[in-house]
Protein backbone atom coordinates (compact mmCIF):
# COMPACT_ATOMS: atom_id res chain seq x y z
CA MET A 1 77.29 99.09 124.66
CA HIS A 2 75.55 102.01 124.65
CA THR A 3 71.08 101.83 125.03
CA LEU A 4 69.50 105.29 124.36
CA SER A 5 65.72 106.12 122.62
CA LEU A 6 65.29 106.59 119.25
CA SER A 7 64.51 110.20 119.87
CA GLU A 8 68.19 110.49 121.26
CA PHE A 9 69.61 109.14 118.41
CA ARG A 10 68.61 111.12 116.03
CA ALA A 11 69.79 114.44 118.33
CA ASN A 12 73.46 112.46 118.23
CA ALA A 13 73.12 109.87 115.06
CA SER A 14 76.68 111.16 114.02
CA ALA A 15 78.46 111.04 117.52
CA MET A 16 76.53 107.72 118.15
CA LEU A 17 77.98 106.57 114.09
CA ASP A 18 81.69 107.70 115.98
CA LEU A 19 81.49 105.55 118.42
CA VAL A 20 80.57 102.36 116.47
CA GLU A 21 83.73 103.60 114.38
CA GLN A 22 85.63 103.30 117.34
CA GLY A 23 84.33 99.71 118.16
CA GLN A 24 81.68 100.22 120.18
CA SER A 25 77.66 98.71 119.60
CA VAL A 26 75.18 100.81 119.92
CA ARG A 27 71.46 99.96 120.95
CA ILE A 28 68.20 101.81 119.81
CA LEU A 29 65.22 101.61 121.64
CA ARG A 30 61.56 102.51 120.77
CA HIS A 31 58.84 102.51 123.48
CA GLY A 32 61.40 100.81 125.84
CA LYS A 33 62.16 97.56 123.33
CA ALA A 34 65.08 97.69 121.63
CA VAL A 35 64.51 98.20 117.49
CA ALA A 36 68.02 97.79 116.08
CA GLU A 37 71.89 97.27 116.75
CA LEU A 38 74.53 99.89 115.50
CA VAL A 39 77.91 96.86 114.97
CA PRO A 40 81.00 98.21 114.08
CA PRO A 41 81.23 95.66 110.63
CA SER A 42 83.12 92.16 110.89
CA ALA A 43 86.40 92.53 109.18
CA GLU A 44 85.35 89.54 106.96
CA ALA A 45 82.63 92.64 105.54
CA SER A 46 84.71 95.25 105.27
CA ALA A 47 87.35 94.16 102.89
CA ARG A 48 84.64 92.34 100.53
CA VAL A 49 84.05 94.48 97.92
CA PRO A 50 80.56 95.45 96.28
CA SER A 51 80.79 93.85 92.64
CA TRP A 52 79.16 96.91 91.37
CA LYS A 53 83.01 98.83 93.08
CA ARG A 54 85.23 95.87 91.91
CA GLU A 55 87.26 97.22 88.59
CA ILE A 56 86.64 95.98 85.14
CA GLU A 57 87.94 95.43 81.94
CA PRO A 58 86.68 97.28 79.08
CA LEU A 59 85.22 95.16 76.40
CA ARG A 60 88.00 95.31 73.16
CA ILE A 61 86.54 93.55 70.19
CA VAL A 62 88.70 93.18 67.02
CA ARG A 63 87.24 93.51 63.86
CA PRO A 64 88.52 91.27 60.99
CA ASP A 65 88.90 94.87 58.78
CA GLY A 66 90.21 97.00 62.27
CA LYS A 67 87.99 99.55 62.22
CA THR A 68 86.03 100.61 65.41
CA GLY A 69 82.30 101.41 66.21
CA ALA A 70 82.56 104.52 65.81
CA GLN A 71 84.29 104.50 62.47
CA LEU A 72 81.94 102.42 61.10
CA MET A 73 78.63 104.09 62.78
CA VAL A 74 80.61 107.83 60.86
CA GLN A 75 80.82 105.78 57.48
CA GLU A 76 77.65 104.58 58.26
CA ARG A 77 76.24 108.51 58.82
CA LEU A 78 78.39 109.31 55.79
CA GLN A 79 76.35 107.19 53.41
CA GLU A 80 72.82 107.54 54.91
CA ASP A 81 73.87 111.87 53.72
CA ARG A 82 75.06 111.07 50.28
CA GLY A 83 71.93 108.78 49.96
CA SER A 84 69.34 112.19 50.67
CA ALA A 85 71.86 114.40 49.11
């Protein structure tokens, strides 16, 4: 485990993240007291995909008349145009 002060961590953040990526741990001190520890993620945690990154199946609504939402909007706008003219 590597232990370093906050100012050292700020100066070498990229290198410290490289160490963590290689499987090592880094302890960060502020005024001589440990305030954080960077550890590699567990295999289970890295395998999980957050819900906002999962693929979604688009919603497909089939109307009885076969028209899409876009077609209905165009039709409604054309009717509004004819009504105002």
